[in-house]
N, C-alpha and C. Protein backbone atom coordinates (compact mmCIF):
# COMPACT_ATOMS: atom_id res chain seq x y z
N MET A 1 58.09 -67.92 -73.82
CA MET A 1 57.16 -67.54 -74.87
C MET A 1 56.30 -68.76 -75.21
N VAL A 2 55.03 -68.51 -75.45
CA VAL A 2 54.08 -69.59 -75.74
C VAL A 2 53.97 -69.74 -77.25
N SER A 3 54.14 -70.97 -77.69
CA SER A 3 54.06 -71.21 -79.13
C SER A 3 52.60 -71.36 -79.56
N SER A 4 52.38 -71.25 -80.84
CA SER A 4 51.01 -71.39 -81.35
C SER A 4 50.51 -72.82 -81.16
N TRP A 5 51.42 -73.78 -81.15
CA TRP A 5 51.02 -75.18 -80.92
C TRP A 5 50.49 -75.35 -79.50
N ASP A 6 51.16 -74.73 -78.53
CA ASP A 6 50.70 -74.80 -77.14
C ASP A 6 49.33 -74.14 -76.99
N MET A 7 49.15 -73.03 -77.68
CA MET A 7 47.86 -72.34 -77.61
C MET A 7 46.76 -73.21 -78.21
N ALA A 8 47.05 -73.87 -79.32
CA ALA A 8 46.07 -74.74 -79.96
C ALA A 8 45.70 -75.90 -79.04
N CYS A 9 46.68 -76.44 -78.36
CA CYS A 9 46.42 -77.54 -77.42
C CYS A 9 45.54 -77.05 -76.25
N ALA A 10 45.83 -75.88 -75.77
CA ALA A 10 45.05 -75.33 -74.66
C ALA A 10 43.61 -75.09 -75.08
N VAL A 11 43.42 -74.55 -76.27
CA VAL A 11 42.06 -74.29 -76.76
C VAL A 11 41.32 -75.61 -76.96
N THR A 12 42.01 -76.59 -77.50
CA THR A 12 41.38 -77.89 -77.72
C THR A 12 40.95 -78.53 -76.40
N LYS A 13 41.75 -78.38 -75.36
CA LYS A 13 41.40 -78.93 -74.06
C LYS A 13 40.22 -78.19 -73.43
N ALA A 14 40.09 -76.91 -73.71
CA ALA A 14 39.03 -76.10 -73.11
C ALA A 14 37.69 -76.21 -73.84
N MET A 15 37.71 -76.64 -75.09
CA MET A 15 36.50 -76.67 -75.90
C MET A 15 35.33 -77.45 -75.28
N PRO A 16 35.54 -78.61 -74.70
CA PRO A 16 34.39 -79.33 -74.13
C PRO A 16 33.69 -78.60 -72.99
N PHE A 17 34.40 -77.70 -72.35
CA PHE A 17 33.83 -77.00 -71.20
C PHE A 17 33.15 -75.69 -71.57
N LEU A 18 33.25 -75.25 -72.80
CA LEU A 18 32.66 -73.98 -73.20
C LEU A 18 31.14 -73.98 -73.09
N SER A 19 30.52 -75.13 -73.28
CA SER A 19 29.06 -75.18 -73.16
C SER A 19 28.62 -74.90 -71.73
N PHE A 20 29.46 -75.19 -70.75
CA PHE A 20 29.10 -74.91 -69.37
C PHE A 20 29.09 -73.42 -69.08
N PHE A 21 29.88 -72.64 -69.81
CA PHE A 21 29.84 -71.19 -69.63
C PHE A 21 28.47 -70.64 -70.03
N THR A 22 27.84 -71.25 -71.02
CA THR A 22 26.50 -70.86 -71.39
C THR A 22 25.52 -71.14 -70.25
N LEU A 23 25.67 -72.28 -69.61
CA LEU A 23 24.81 -72.61 -68.48
C LEU A 23 24.99 -71.62 -67.32
N VAL A 24 26.22 -71.24 -67.07
CA VAL A 24 26.49 -70.26 -66.01
C VAL A 24 25.82 -68.93 -66.36
N THR A 25 25.94 -68.52 -67.61
CA THR A 25 25.31 -67.27 -68.05
C THR A 25 23.80 -67.34 -67.91
N VAL A 26 23.21 -68.45 -68.31
CA VAL A 26 21.76 -68.62 -68.22
C VAL A 26 21.31 -68.60 -66.76
N ALA A 27 22.15 -69.05 -65.87
CA ALA A 27 21.80 -69.05 -64.45
C ALA A 27 21.97 -67.68 -63.81
N VAL A 28 22.97 -66.92 -64.23
CA VAL A 28 23.31 -65.66 -63.55
C VAL A 28 22.50 -64.48 -64.07
N VAL A 29 22.23 -64.42 -65.36
CA VAL A 29 21.56 -63.25 -65.93
C VAL A 29 20.15 -63.04 -65.33
N PRO A 30 19.33 -64.07 -65.19
CA PRO A 30 18.03 -63.83 -64.56
C PRO A 30 18.14 -63.38 -63.10
N LEU A 31 19.14 -63.88 -62.39
CA LEU A 31 19.35 -63.43 -61.02
C LEU A 31 19.72 -61.96 -60.98
N ALA A 32 20.56 -61.55 -61.90
CA ALA A 32 20.94 -60.14 -61.98
C ALA A 32 19.74 -59.27 -62.32
N ALA A 33 18.91 -59.73 -63.24
CA ALA A 33 17.71 -58.98 -63.60
C ALA A 33 16.75 -58.87 -62.42
N ALA A 34 16.58 -59.95 -61.69
CA ALA A 34 15.70 -59.92 -60.51
C ALA A 34 16.25 -58.98 -59.45
N LEU A 35 17.54 -59.02 -59.23
CA LEU A 35 18.16 -58.11 -58.26
C LEU A 35 17.95 -56.66 -58.67
N TYR A 36 18.07 -56.38 -59.97
CA TYR A 36 17.84 -55.02 -60.47
C TYR A 36 16.40 -54.59 -60.21
N VAL A 37 15.44 -55.44 -60.50
CA VAL A 37 14.03 -55.08 -60.31
C VAL A 37 13.73 -54.85 -58.83
N VAL A 38 14.21 -55.73 -57.97
CA VAL A 38 13.96 -55.58 -56.53
C VAL A 38 14.61 -54.31 -56.01
N THR A 39 15.84 -54.05 -56.40
CA THR A 39 16.54 -52.85 -55.94
C THR A 39 15.86 -51.58 -56.44
N SER A 40 15.49 -51.57 -57.69
CA SER A 40 14.84 -50.40 -58.28
C SER A 40 13.49 -50.13 -57.62
N THR A 41 12.73 -51.18 -57.40
CA THR A 41 11.42 -51.02 -56.76
C THR A 41 11.56 -50.53 -55.32
N THR A 42 12.49 -51.10 -54.59
CA THR A 42 12.72 -50.68 -53.21
C THR A 42 13.17 -49.23 -53.15
N TRP A 43 14.09 -48.86 -54.03
CA TRP A 43 14.57 -47.47 -54.06
C TRP A 43 13.43 -46.51 -54.35
N SER A 44 12.59 -46.85 -55.32
CA SER A 44 11.47 -45.98 -55.67
C SER A 44 10.48 -45.87 -54.52
N ALA A 45 10.19 -46.96 -53.85
CA ALA A 45 9.25 -46.92 -52.73
C ALA A 45 9.79 -46.07 -51.58
N VAL A 46 11.06 -46.25 -51.26
CA VAL A 46 11.66 -45.44 -50.18
C VAL A 46 11.72 -43.97 -50.59
N GLU A 47 12.04 -43.71 -51.83
CA GLU A 47 12.10 -42.33 -52.32
C GLU A 47 10.73 -41.66 -52.21
N ARG A 48 9.68 -42.37 -52.58
CA ARG A 48 8.34 -41.79 -52.48
C ARG A 48 7.98 -41.47 -51.03
N VAL A 49 8.33 -42.39 -50.12
CA VAL A 49 8.01 -42.16 -48.71
C VAL A 49 8.75 -40.94 -48.20
N VAL A 50 10.01 -40.80 -48.55
CA VAL A 50 10.83 -39.68 -48.05
C VAL A 50 10.38 -38.36 -48.68
N LEU A 51 10.11 -38.36 -49.99
CA LEU A 51 9.77 -37.12 -50.65
C LEU A 51 8.36 -36.62 -50.37
N TYR A 52 7.44 -37.50 -50.08
CA TYR A 52 6.05 -37.09 -49.88
C TYR A 52 5.66 -37.02 -48.42
N ARG A 53 6.61 -36.76 -47.56
CA ARG A 53 6.30 -36.58 -46.13
C ARG A 53 5.66 -35.25 -45.89
C-alpha cells in the first residue's frame, strides 16, 4: 500500500517536469489539426470525383 507521504514525494519529484507536458501538447495539437484538415480535404476531393462521374 502506498502512503500519502510517498505520494507527496512522487508529486514533488514530478513537478519540475510538468511544464514539459505543456510543450508536448503545444507541439502535438497543431499537428493533429493539420492532419485533420488534410484528411478531410482529401476525403472530400475523392468523394466529389467518385460521386460526380
